[in-house]
Full PDB file with SEQRES, HELIX, SHEET, SSBOND, CRYST1, ORIGX, SCALE, CONECT and MASTER records, all heavy atoms in Angstrom:
SEQRES   1 A   37  ALA ARG GLY THR ILE TRP PRO ARG CYS GLU VAL PHE HIS          
SEQRES   2 A   37  ILE PRO LEU THR PRO SER THR ILE GLU GLU LEU ALA GLU          
SEQRES   3 A   37  ILE SER GLU ARG ILE ALA TYR PRO GLU LEU ALA                  
HELIX    1 AA1 PRO A   18  SER A   28  1                                  11    
HELIX    2 AA2 TYR A   33  GLU A   35  5                                   3    
CRYST1    1.000    1.000    1.000  90.00  90.00  90.00 P 1           1          
ORIGX1      1.000000  0.000000  0.000000        0.00000                         
ORIGX2      0.000000  1.000000  0.000000        0.00000                         
ORIGX3      0.000000  0.000000  1.000000        0.00000                         
SCALE1      1.000000  0.000000  0.000000        0.00000                         
SCALE2      0.000000  1.000000  0.000000        0.00000                         
SCALE3      0.000000  0.000000  1.000000        0.00000                         
ATOM      1  N   ALA A   1       0.838  -1.211  -0.002  1.00  0.00           N  
ATOM      2  CA  ALA A   1       0.054   0.003   0.006  1.00  0.00           C  
ATOM      3  C   ALA A   1       0.867   1.249  -0.037  1.00  0.00           C  
ATOM      4  O   ALA A   1       1.753   1.352   0.836  1.00  0.00           O  
ATOM      5  CB  ALA A   1      -0.900   0.001   1.212  1.00  0.00           C  
ATOM      6  N   ARG A   2       0.674   2.093  -0.947  1.00  0.00           N  
ATOM      7  CA  ARG A   2       1.460   3.339  -1.042  1.00  0.00           C  
ATOM      8  C   ARG A   2       1.211   4.220   0.158  1.00  0.00           C  
ATOM      9  O   ARG A   2       0.094   4.296   0.598  1.00  0.00           O  
ATOM     10  CB  ARG A   2       1.196   4.022  -2.343  1.00  0.00           C  
ATOM     11  CG  ARG A   2       1.861   3.329  -3.612  1.00  0.00           C  
ATOM     12  CD  ARG A   2       1.709   4.195  -4.802  1.00  0.00           C  
ATOM     13  NE  ARG A   2       2.305   3.583  -5.900  1.00  0.00           N  
ATOM     14  CZ  ARG A   2       3.402   4.110  -6.485  1.00  0.00           C  
ATOM     15  NH1 ARG A   2       3.988   5.184  -6.079  1.00  0.00           N  
ATOM     16  NH2 ARG A   2       3.964   3.480  -7.574  1.00  0.00           N  
ATOM     17  N   GLY A   3       2.173   5.000   0.451  1.00  0.00           N  
ATOM     18  CA  GLY A   3       1.986   5.985   1.569  1.00  0.00           C  
ATOM     19  C   GLY A   3       1.881   7.428   1.018  1.00  0.00           C  
ATOM     20  O   GLY A   3       1.595   8.318   1.779  1.00  0.00           O  
ATOM     21  N   THR A   4       2.094   7.598  -0.322  1.00  0.00           N  
ATOM     22  CA  THR A   4       2.035   8.916  -0.956  1.00  0.00           C  
ATOM     23  C   THR A   4       1.013   8.875  -2.030  1.00  0.00           C  
ATOM     24  O   THR A   4       1.127   8.123  -2.971  1.00  0.00           O  
ATOM     25  CB  THR A   4       3.438   9.280  -1.536  1.00  0.00           C  
ATOM     26  OG1 THR A   4       4.404   9.226  -0.529  1.00  0.00           O  
ATOM     27  CG2 THR A   4       3.378  10.668  -2.099  1.00  0.00           C  
ATOM     28  N   ILE A   5       0.018   9.749  -1.925  1.00  0.00           N  
ATOM     29  CA  ILE A   5      -1.015   9.823  -2.963  1.00  0.00           C  
ATOM     30  C   ILE A   5      -0.499  10.757  -4.036  1.00  0.00           C  
ATOM     31  O   ILE A   5      -0.596  10.395  -5.240  1.00  0.00           O  
ATOM     32  CB  ILE A   5      -2.317  10.415  -2.359  1.00  0.00           C  
ATOM     33  CG1 ILE A   5      -2.892   9.517  -1.338  1.00  0.00           C  
ATOM     34  CG2 ILE A   5      -3.334  10.732  -3.463  1.00  0.00           C  
ATOM     35  CD1 ILE A   5      -4.098  10.017  -0.524  1.00  0.00           C  
ATOM     36  N   TRP A   6       0.032  11.955  -3.712  1.00  0.00           N  
ATOM     37  CA  TRP A   6       0.467  12.870  -4.697  1.00  0.00           C  
ATOM     38  C   TRP A   6       1.691  13.594  -4.115  1.00  0.00           C  
ATOM     39  O   TRP A   6       1.756  13.935  -2.902  1.00  0.00           O  
ATOM     40  CB  TRP A   6      -0.648  13.885  -4.993  1.00  0.00           C  
ATOM     41  CG  TRP A   6      -0.318  14.841  -6.113  1.00  0.00           C  
ATOM     42  CD1 TRP A   6      -0.454  14.647  -7.453  1.00  0.00           C  
ATOM     43  CD2 TRP A   6       0.238  16.114  -5.971  1.00  0.00           C  
ATOM     44  NE1 TRP A   6      -0.027  15.716  -8.101  1.00  0.00           N  
ATOM     45  CE2 TRP A   6       0.418  16.657  -7.198  1.00  0.00           C  
ATOM     46  CE3 TRP A   6       0.641  16.900  -4.859  1.00  0.00           C  
ATOM     47  CZ2 TRP A   6       0.936  17.925  -7.436  1.00  0.00           C  
ATOM     48  CZ3 TRP A   6       1.165  18.122  -5.070  1.00  0.00           C  
ATOM     49  CH2 TRP A   6       1.301  18.650  -6.348  1.00  0.00           C  
ATOM     50  N   PRO A   7       2.699  13.877  -4.902  1.00  0.00           N  
ATOM     51  CA  PRO A   7       2.792  13.497  -6.275  1.00  0.00           C  
ATOM     52  C   PRO A   7       3.194  12.050  -6.411  1.00  0.00           C  
ATOM     53  O   PRO A   7       3.770  11.427  -5.509  1.00  0.00           O  
ATOM     54  CB  PRO A   7       3.941  14.354  -6.772  1.00  0.00           C  
ATOM     55  CG  PRO A   7       4.815  14.573  -5.583  1.00  0.00           C  
ATOM     56  CD  PRO A   7       3.840  14.615  -4.407  1.00  0.00           C  
ATOM     57  N   ARG A   8       2.828  11.428  -7.508  1.00  0.00           N  
ATOM     58  CA  ARG A   8       3.124  10.020  -7.735  1.00  0.00           C  
ATOM     59  C   ARG A   8       4.656   9.863  -7.693  1.00  0.00           C  
ATOM     60  O   ARG A   8       5.368  10.721  -8.251  1.00  0.00           O  
ATOM     61  CB  ARG A   8       2.618   9.652  -9.163  1.00  0.00           C  
ATOM     62  CG  ARG A   8       2.794   8.237  -9.522  1.00  0.00           C  
ATOM     63  CD  ARG A   8       2.010   7.998 -10.810  1.00  0.00           C  
ATOM     64  NE  ARG A   8       1.922   6.707 -11.292  1.00  0.00           N  
ATOM     65  CZ  ARG A   8       1.779   5.603 -10.580  1.00  0.00           C  
ATOM     66  NH1 ARG A   8       1.740   5.676  -9.307  1.00  0.00           N  
ATOM     67  NH2 ARG A   8       1.656   4.396 -11.103  1.00  0.00           N  
ATOM     68  N   CYS A   9       5.135   8.858  -7.064  1.00  0.00           N  
ATOM     69  CA  CYS A   9       6.587   8.695  -6.903  1.00  0.00           C  
ATOM     70  C   CYS A   9       7.021   7.254  -7.285  1.00  0.00           C  
ATOM     71  O   CYS A   9       6.219   6.311  -7.369  1.00  0.00           O  
ATOM     72  CB  CYS A   9       7.000   9.072  -5.486  1.00  0.00           C  
ATOM     73  SG  CYS A   9       6.124   8.075  -4.247  1.00  0.00           S  
ATOM     74  N   GLU A  10       8.308   7.149  -7.479  1.00  0.00           N  
ATOM     75  CA  GLU A  10       8.861   5.856  -7.787  1.00  0.00           C  
ATOM     76  C   GLU A  10       8.855   4.966  -6.508  1.00  0.00           C  
ATOM     77  O   GLU A  10       8.978   5.464  -5.375  1.00  0.00           O  
ATOM     78  CB  GLU A  10      10.293   6.037  -8.251  1.00  0.00           C  
ATOM     79  CG  GLU A  10      10.497   6.413  -9.668  1.00  0.00           C  
ATOM     80  CD  GLU A  10      11.929   6.225 -10.102  1.00  0.00           C  
ATOM     81  OE1 GLU A  10      12.731   7.083  -9.738  1.00  0.00           O  
ATOM     82  OE2 GLU A  10      12.225   5.207 -10.794  1.00  0.00           O  
ATOM     83  N   VAL A  11       8.737   3.677  -6.706  1.00  0.00           N  
ATOM     84  CA  VAL A  11       8.910   2.716  -5.638  1.00  0.00           C  
ATOM     85  C   VAL A  11       9.879   1.678  -6.144  1.00  0.00           C  
ATOM     86  O   VAL A  11      10.060   1.389  -7.312  1.00  0.00           O  
ATOM     87  CB  VAL A  11       7.596   2.083  -5.243  1.00  0.00           C  
ATOM     88  CG1 VAL A  11       6.615   3.106  -4.737  1.00  0.00           C  
ATOM     89  CG2 VAL A  11       7.020   1.255  -6.358  1.00  0.00           C  
ATOM     90  N   PHE A  12      10.591   1.087  -5.093  1.00  0.00           N  
ATOM     91  CA  PHE A  12      11.644   0.065  -5.420  1.00  0.00           C  
ATOM     92  C   PHE A  12      11.413  -1.169  -4.489  1.00  0.00           C  
ATOM     93  O   PHE A  12      11.264  -0.888  -3.245  1.00  0.00           O  
ATOM     94  CB  PHE A  12      13.036   0.571  -5.266  1.00  0.00           C  
ATOM     95  CG  PHE A  12      13.340   1.710  -6.266  1.00  0.00           C  
ATOM     96  CD1 PHE A  12      13.171   3.067  -5.894  1.00  0.00           C  
ATOM     97  CD2 PHE A  12      13.778   1.401  -7.555  1.00  0.00           C  
ATOM     98  CE1 PHE A  12      13.497   4.077  -6.776  1.00  0.00           C  
ATOM     99  CE2 PHE A  12      14.108   2.413  -8.455  1.00  0.00           C  
ATOM    100  CZ  PHE A  12      13.907   3.770  -8.047  1.00  0.00           C  
ATOM    101  N   HIS A  13      11.419  -2.263  -5.009  1.00  0.00           N  
ATOM    102  CA  HIS A  13      11.397  -3.543  -4.188  1.00  0.00           C  
ATOM    103  C   HIS A  13      12.791  -4.192  -4.339  1.00  0.00           C  
ATOM    104  O   HIS A  13      13.205  -4.432  -5.464  1.00  0.00           O  
ATOM    105  CB  HIS A  13      10.346  -4.514  -4.704  1.00  0.00           C  
ATOM    106  CG  HIS A  13       8.924  -3.936  -4.563  1.00  0.00           C  
ATOM    107  ND1 HIS A  13       8.051  -4.437  -3.630  1.00  0.00           N  
ATOM    108  CD2 HIS A  13       8.219  -3.100  -5.276  1.00  0.00           C  
ATOM    109  CE1 HIS A  13       6.926  -3.778  -3.703  1.00  0.00           C  
ATOM    110  NE2 HIS A  13       7.028  -2.977  -4.737  1.00  0.00           N  
ATOM    111  N   ILE A  14      13.448  -4.392  -3.231  1.00  0.00           N  
ATOM    112  CA  ILE A  14      14.819  -4.894  -3.182  1.00  0.00           C  
ATOM    113  C   ILE A  14      14.853  -6.154  -2.289  1.00  0.00           C  
ATOM    114  O   ILE A  14      14.359  -6.094  -1.194  1.00  0.00           O  
ATOM    115  CB  ILE A  14      15.776  -3.826  -2.655  1.00  0.00           C  
ATOM    116  CG1 ILE A  14      15.651  -2.515  -3.417  1.00  0.00           C  
ATOM    117  CG2 ILE A  14      17.201  -4.316  -2.557  1.00  0.00           C  
ATOM    118  CD1 ILE A  14      16.144  -2.482  -4.792  1.00  0.00           C  
ATOM    119  N   PRO A  15      15.446  -7.253  -2.766  1.00  0.00           N  
ATOM    120  CA  PRO A  15      15.653  -8.376  -1.879  1.00  0.00           C  
ATOM    121  C   PRO A  15      16.513  -8.031  -0.706  1.00  0.00           C  
ATOM    122  O   PRO A  15      17.493  -7.364  -0.883  1.00  0.00           O  
ATOM    123  CB  PRO A  15      16.299  -9.450  -2.724  1.00  0.00           C  
ATOM    124  CG  PRO A  15      16.531  -8.802  -4.115  1.00  0.00           C  
ATOM    125  CD  PRO A  15      16.065  -7.425  -4.109  1.00  0.00           C  
ATOM    126  N   LEU A  16      16.062  -8.419   0.473  1.00  0.00           N  
ATOM    127  CA  LEU A  16      16.879  -8.165   1.687  1.00  0.00           C  
ATOM    128  C   LEU A  16      17.821  -9.380   1.891  1.00  0.00           C  
ATOM    129  O   LEU A  16      17.395 -10.359   2.420  1.00  0.00           O  
ATOM    130  CB  LEU A  16      15.949  -7.962   2.873  1.00  0.00           C  
ATOM    131  CG  LEU A  16      16.539  -7.323   4.147  1.00  0.00           C  
ATOM    132  CD1 LEU A  16      15.418  -6.752   4.957  1.00  0.00           C  
ATOM    133  CD2 LEU A  16      17.463  -8.214   4.920  1.00  0.00           C  
ATOM    134  N   THR A  17      19.052  -9.166   1.442  1.00  0.00           N  
ATOM    135  CA  THR A  17      20.039 -10.184   1.573  1.00  0.00           C  
ATOM    136  C   THR A  17      21.299  -9.521   2.224  1.00  0.00           C  
ATOM    137  O   THR A  17      21.420  -8.278   2.235  1.00  0.00           O  
ATOM    138  CB  THR A  17      20.492 -10.769   0.248  1.00  0.00           C  
ATOM    139  OG1 THR A  17      21.178  -9.732  -0.515  1.00  0.00           O  
ATOM    140  CG2 THR A  17      19.261 -11.345  -0.498  1.00  0.00           C  
ATOM    141  N   PRO A  18      22.195 -10.309   2.802  1.00  0.00           N  
ATOM    142  CA  PRO A  18      23.407  -9.682   3.380  1.00  0.00           C  
ATOM    143  C   PRO A  18      24.169  -8.831   2.321  1.00  0.00           C  
ATOM    144  O   PRO A  18      24.609  -7.710   2.673  1.00  0.00           O  
ATOM    145  CB  PRO A  18      24.226 -10.883   3.780  1.00  0.00           C  
ATOM    146  CG  PRO A  18      23.203 -11.937   4.084  1.00  0.00           C  
ATOM    147  CD  PRO A  18      22.153 -11.762   3.031  1.00  0.00           C  
ATOM    148  N   SER A  19      24.226  -9.257   1.101  1.00  0.00           N  
ATOM    149  CA  SER A  19      24.959  -8.465   0.104  1.00  0.00           C  
ATOM    150  C   SER A  19      24.263  -7.204  -0.292  1.00  0.00           C  
ATOM    151  O   SER A  19      24.861  -6.138  -0.410  1.00  0.00           O  
ATOM    152  CB  SER A  19      25.372  -9.307  -1.133  1.00  0.00           C  
ATOM    153  OG  SER A  19      24.175  -9.669  -1.806  1.00  0.00           O  
ATOM    154  N   THR A  20      22.948  -7.267  -0.475  1.00  0.00           N  
ATOM    155  CA  THR A  20      22.237  -6.013  -0.786  1.00  0.00           C  
ATOM    156  C   THR A  20      22.209  -4.995   0.349  1.00  0.00           C  
ATOM    157  O   THR A  20      22.386  -3.809   0.138  1.00  0.00           O  
ATOM    158  CB  THR A  20      20.731  -6.252  -1.320  1.00  0.00           C  
ATOM    159  OG1 THR A  20      20.028  -6.900  -0.252  1.00  0.00           O  
ATOM    160  CG2 THR A  20      20.727  -7.051  -2.535  1.00  0.00           C  
ATOM    161  N   ILE A  21      22.170  -5.540   1.588  1.00  0.00           N  
ATOM    162  CA  ILE A  21      22.191  -4.550   2.776  1.00  0.00           C  
ATOM    163  C   ILE A  21      23.551  -3.925   2.832  1.00  0.00           C  
ATOM    164  O   ILE A  21      23.639  -2.713   3.016  1.00  0.00           O  
ATOM    165  CB  ILE A  21      21.889  -5.402   4.056  1.00  0.00           C  
ATOM    166  CG1 ILE A  21      20.418  -5.770   4.087  1.00  0.00           C  
ATOM    167  CG2 ILE A  21      22.250  -4.570   5.319  1.00  0.00           C  
ATOM    168  CD1 ILE A  21      19.493  -4.632   4.231  1.00  0.00           C  
ATOM    169  N   GLU A  22      24.626  -4.655   2.623  1.00  0.00           N  
ATOM    170  CA  GLU A  22      25.926  -4.077   2.789  1.00  0.00           C  
ATOM    171  C   GLU A  22      26.205  -3.077   1.631  1.00  0.00           C  
ATOM    172  O   GLU A  22      26.766  -2.085   1.837  1.00  0.00           O  
ATOM    173  CB  GLU A  22      27.019  -5.146   2.848  1.00  0.00           C  
ATOM    174  CG  GLU A  22      28.381  -4.656   3.233  1.00  0.00           C  
ATOM    175  CD  GLU A  22      28.361  -3.714   4.472  1.00  0.00           C  
ATOM    176  OE1 GLU A  22      27.641  -3.963   5.447  1.00  0.00           O  
ATOM    177  OE2 GLU A  22      29.139  -2.678   4.428  1.00  0.00           O  
ATOM    178  N   GLU A  23      25.830  -3.485   0.409  1.00  0.00           N  
ATOM    179  CA  GLU A  23      26.028  -2.607  -0.733  1.00  0.00           C  
ATOM    180  C   GLU A  23      25.288  -1.282  -0.490  1.00  0.00           C  
ATOM    181  O   GLU A  23      25.816  -0.155  -0.727  1.00  0.00           O  
ATOM    182  CB  GLU A  23      25.591  -3.238  -1.988  1.00  0.00           C  
ATOM    183  CG  GLU A  23      26.475  -4.361  -2.529  1.00  0.00           C  
ATOM    184  CD  GLU A  23      25.843  -5.130  -3.706  1.00  0.00           C  
ATOM    185  OE1 GLU A  23      24.808  -4.747  -4.185  1.00  0.00           O  
ATOM    186  OE2 GLU A  23      26.445  -6.191  -4.037  1.00  0.00           O  
ATOM    187  N   LEU A  24      24.004  -1.390  -0.144  1.00  0.00           N  
ATOM    188  CA  LEU A  24      23.158  -0.159   0.070  1.00  0.00           C  
ATOM    189  C   LEU A  24      23.702   0.658   1.301  1.00  0.00           C  
ATOM    190  O   LEU A  24      23.706   1.851   1.215  1.00  0.00           O  
ATOM    191  CB  LEU A  24      21.731  -0.510   0.242  1.00  0.00           C  
ATOM    192  CG  LEU A  24      20.781   0.619   0.310  1.00  0.00           C  
ATOM    193  CD1 LEU A  24      20.904   1.573  -0.880  1.00  0.00           C  
ATOM    194  CD2 LEU A  24      19.352   0.109   0.450  1.00  0.00           C  
ATOM    195  N   ALA A  25      24.108   0.008   2.354  1.00  0.00           N  
ATOM    196  CA  ALA A  25      24.674   0.695   3.537  1.00  0.00           C  
ATOM    197  C   ALA A  25      25.960   1.472   3.118  1.00  0.00           C  
ATOM    198  O   ALA A  25      26.118   2.661   3.530  1.00  0.00           O  
ATOM    199  CB  ALA A  25      24.974  -0.238   4.643  1.00  0.00           C  
ATOM    200  N   GLU A  26      26.752   0.833   2.313  1.00  0.00           N  
ATOM    201  CA  GLU A  26      28.016   1.608   1.811  1.00  0.00           C  
ATOM    202  C   GLU A  26      27.644   2.855   0.995  1.00  0.00           C  
ATOM    203  O   GLU A  26      28.140   3.862   1.176  1.00  0.00           O  
ATOM    204  CB  GLU A  26      28.910   0.682   1.055  1.00  0.00           C  
ATOM    205  CG  GLU A  26      29.602  -0.331   1.928  1.00  0.00           C  
ATOM    206  CD  GLU A  26      30.425  -1.350   1.124  1.00  0.00           C  
ATOM    207  OE1 GLU A  26      30.719  -1.090  -0.071  1.00  0.00           O  
ATOM    208  OE2 GLU A  26      30.828  -2.352   1.760  1.00  0.00           O  
ATOM    209  N   ILE A  27      26.671   2.685   0.101  1.00  0.00           N  
ATOM    210  CA  ILE A  27      26.190   3.806  -0.687  1.00  0.00           C  
ATOM    211  C   ILE A  27      25.570   4.899   0.252  1.00  0.00           C  
ATOM    212  O   ILE A  27      25.816   6.056   0.086  1.00  0.00           O  
ATOM    213  CB  ILE A  27      25.212   3.375  -1.787  1.00  0.00           C  
ATOM    214  CG1 ILE A  27      25.902   2.498  -2.911  1.00  0.00           C  
ATOM    215  CG2 ILE A  27      24.526   4.555  -2.440  1.00  0.00           C  
ATOM    216  CD1 ILE A  27      24.994   1.859  -3.803  1.00  0.00           C  
ATOM    217  N   SER A  28      24.813   4.408   1.182  1.00  0.00           N  
ATOM    218  CA  SER A  28      24.113   5.379   2.059  1.00  0.00           C  
ATOM    219  C   SER A  28      24.975   6.195   2.961  1.00  0.00           C  
ATOM    220  O   SER A  28      24.644   7.246   3.476  1.00  0.00           O  
ATOM    221  CB  SER A  28      23.010   4.603   2.906  1.00  0.00           C  
ATOM    222  OG  SER A  28      23.655   3.837   3.881  1.00  0.00           O  
ATOM    223  N   GLU A  29      26.266   5.741   3.056  1.00  0.00           N  
ATOM    224  CA  GLU A  29      27.194   6.560   3.830  1.00  0.00           C  
ATOM    225  C   GLU A  29      27.590   7.901   3.092  1.00  0.00           C  
ATOM    226  O   GLU A  29      28.163   8.770   3.677  1.00  0.00           O  
ATOM    227  CB  GLU A  29      28.493   5.728   4.143  1.00  0.00           C  
ATOM    228  CG  GLU A  29      28.228   4.643   5.139  1.00  0.00           C  
ATOM    229  CD  GLU A  29      29.373   3.606   5.281  1.00  0.00           C  
ATOM    230  OE1 GLU A  29      30.320   3.722   4.474  1.00  0.00           O  
ATOM    231  OE2 GLU A  29      29.301   2.783   6.237  1.00  0.00           O  
ATOM    232  N   ARG A  30      27.228   7.894   1.812  1.00  0.00           N  
ATOM    233  CA  ARG A  30      27.567   9.107   0.965  1.00  0.00           C  
ATOM    234  C   ARG A  30      26.413   9.868   0.537  1.00  0.00           C  
ATOM    235  O   ARG A  30      26.527  10.777  -0.371  1.00  0.00           O  
ATOM    236  CB  ARG A  30      28.341   8.576  -0.281  1.00  0.00           C  
ATOM    237  CG  ARG A  30      29.695   7.866   0.118  1.00  0.00           C  
ATOM    238  CD  ARG A  30      30.466   7.417  -1.100  1.00  0.00           C  
ATOM    239  NE  ARG A  30      29.865   6.407  -1.909  1.00  0.00           N  
ATOM    240  CZ  ARG A  30      29.975   5.082  -1.666  1.00  0.00           C  
ATOM    241  NH1 ARG A  30      30.566   4.662  -0.540  1.00  0.00           N  
ATOM    242  NH2 ARG A  30      29.390   4.231  -2.457  1.00  0.00           N  
ATOM    243  N   ILE A  31      25.203   9.556   1.027  1.00  0.00           N  
ATOM    244  CA  ILE A  31      23.943  10.221   0.591  1.00  0.00           C  
ATOM    245  C   ILE A  31      23.203  10.678   1.845  1.00  0.00           C  
ATOM    246  O   ILE A  31      23.397  10.244   2.959  1.00  0.00           O  
ATOM    247  CB  ILE A  31      23.082   9.371  -0.305  1.00  0.00           C  
ATOM    248  CG1 ILE A  31      22.560   8.200   0.471  1.00  0.00           C  
ATOM    249  CG2 ILE A  31      23.872   8.992  -1.607  1.00  0.00           C  
ATOM    250  CD1 ILE A  31      21.467   7.386  -0.289  1.00  0.00           C  
ATOM    251  N   ALA A  32      22.194  11.523   1.587  1.00  0.00           N  
ATOM    252  CA  ALA A  32      21.194  11.884   2.618  1.00  0.00           C  
ATOM    253  C   ALA A  32      20.062  10.945   2.499  1.00  0.00           C  
ATOM    254  O   ALA A  32      19.656  10.537   1.395  1.00  0.00           O  
ATOM    255  CB  ALA A  32      20.745  13.341   2.449  1.00  0.00           C  
ATOM    256  N   TYR A  33      19.473  10.495   3.594  1.00  0.00           N  
ATOM    257  CA  TYR A  33      18.450   9.474   3.519  1.00  0.00           C  
ATOM    258  C   TYR A  33      17.248   9.798   2.601  1.00  0.00           C  
ATOM    259  O   TYR A  33      16.726   8.921   1.996  1.00  0.00           O  
ATOM    260  CB  TYR A  33      17.898   9.097   4.899  1.00  0.00           C  
ATOM    261  CG  TYR A  33      17.091  10.127   5.570  1.00  0.00           C  
ATOM    262  CD1 TYR A  33      15.728  10.218   5.285  1.00  0.00           C  
ATOM    263  CD2 TYR A  33      17.588  11.101   6.485  1.00  0.00           C  
ATOM    264  CE1 TYR A  33      14.868  11.221   5.861  1.00  0.00           C  
ATOM    265  CE2 TYR A  33      16.808  12.026   7.032  1.00  0.00           C  
ATOM    266  CZ  TYR A  33      15.453  12.092   6.739  1.00  0.00           C  
ATOM    267  OH  TYR A  33      14.689  13.069   7.298  1.00  0.00           O  
ATOM    268  N   PRO A  34      16.835  11.108   2.442  1.00  0.00           N  
ATOM    269  CA  PRO A  34      15.656  11.310   1.551  1.00  0.00           C  
ATOM    270  C   PRO A  34      16.001  10.968   0.099  1.00  0.00           C  
ATOM    271  O   PRO A  34      15.079  10.858  -0.682  1.00  0.00           O  
ATOM    272  CB  PRO A  34      15.387  12.837   1.696  1.00  0.00           C  
ATOM    273  CG  PRO A  34      15.932  13.155   3.004  1.00  0.00           C  
ATOM    274  CD  PRO A  34      17.178  12.348   3.184  1.00  0.00           C  
ATOM    275  N   GLU A  35      17.259  10.870  -0.278  1.00  0.00           N  
ATOM    276  CA  GLU A  35      17.611  10.379  -1.609  1.00  0.00           C  
ATOM    277  C   GLU A  35      17.124   9.008  -1.847  1.00  0.00           C  
ATOM    278  O   GLU A  35      16.667   8.620  -2.974  1.00  0.00           O  
ATOM    279  CB  GLU A  35      19.094  10.500  -1.900  1.00  0.00           C  
ATOM    280  CG  GLU A  35      19.548  11.953  -1.884  1.00  0.00           C  
ATOM    281  CD  GLU A  35      21.064  12.013  -2.163  1.00  0.00           C  
ATOM    282  OE1 GLU A  35      21.554  11.512  -3.161  1.00  0.00           O  
ATOM    283  OE2 GLU A  35      21.787  12.578  -1.246  1.00  0.00           O  
ATOM    284  N   LEU A  36      17.127   8.177  -0.809  1.00  0.00           N  
ATOM    285  CA  LEU A  36      16.702   6.759  -0.984  1.00  0.00           C  
ATOM    286  C   LEU A  36      15.202   6.701  -0.891  1.00  0.00           C  
ATOM    287  O   LEU A  36      14.521   6.050  -1.748  1.00  0.00           O  
ATOM    288  CB  LEU A  36      17.316   5.874   0.122  1.00  0.00           C  
ATOM    289  CG  LEU A  36      16.875   4.433   0.127  1.00  0.00           C  
ATOM    290  CD1 LEU A  36      17.223   3.717  -1.255  1.00  0.00           C  
ATOM    291  CD2 LEU A  36      17.558   3.735   1.233  1.00  0.00           C  
ATOM    292  N   ALA A  37      14.553   7.265   0.148  1.00  0.00           N  
ATOM    293  CA  ALA A  37      13.115   7.060   0.302  1.00  0.00           C  
ATOM    294  C   ALA A  37      12.577   7.998   1.483  1.00  0.00           C  
ATOM    295  O   ALA A  37      13.343   8.359   2.383  1.00  0.00           O  
ATOM    296  CB  ALA A  37      12.782   5.649   0.642  1.00  0.00           C  
TER     297      ALA A  37                                                      
MASTER        0    0    0    2    0    0    0    6  296    1    0    3          
END                                                                             
């Protein structure tokens, strides 16, 4: 169930695995959280 009615926004479904978590955590060290979601 979407949490945002307007404006329409992108959504991403990502498998939660040790490798995806670590890759995303490394990227997230260089970004602000609103860039992700």
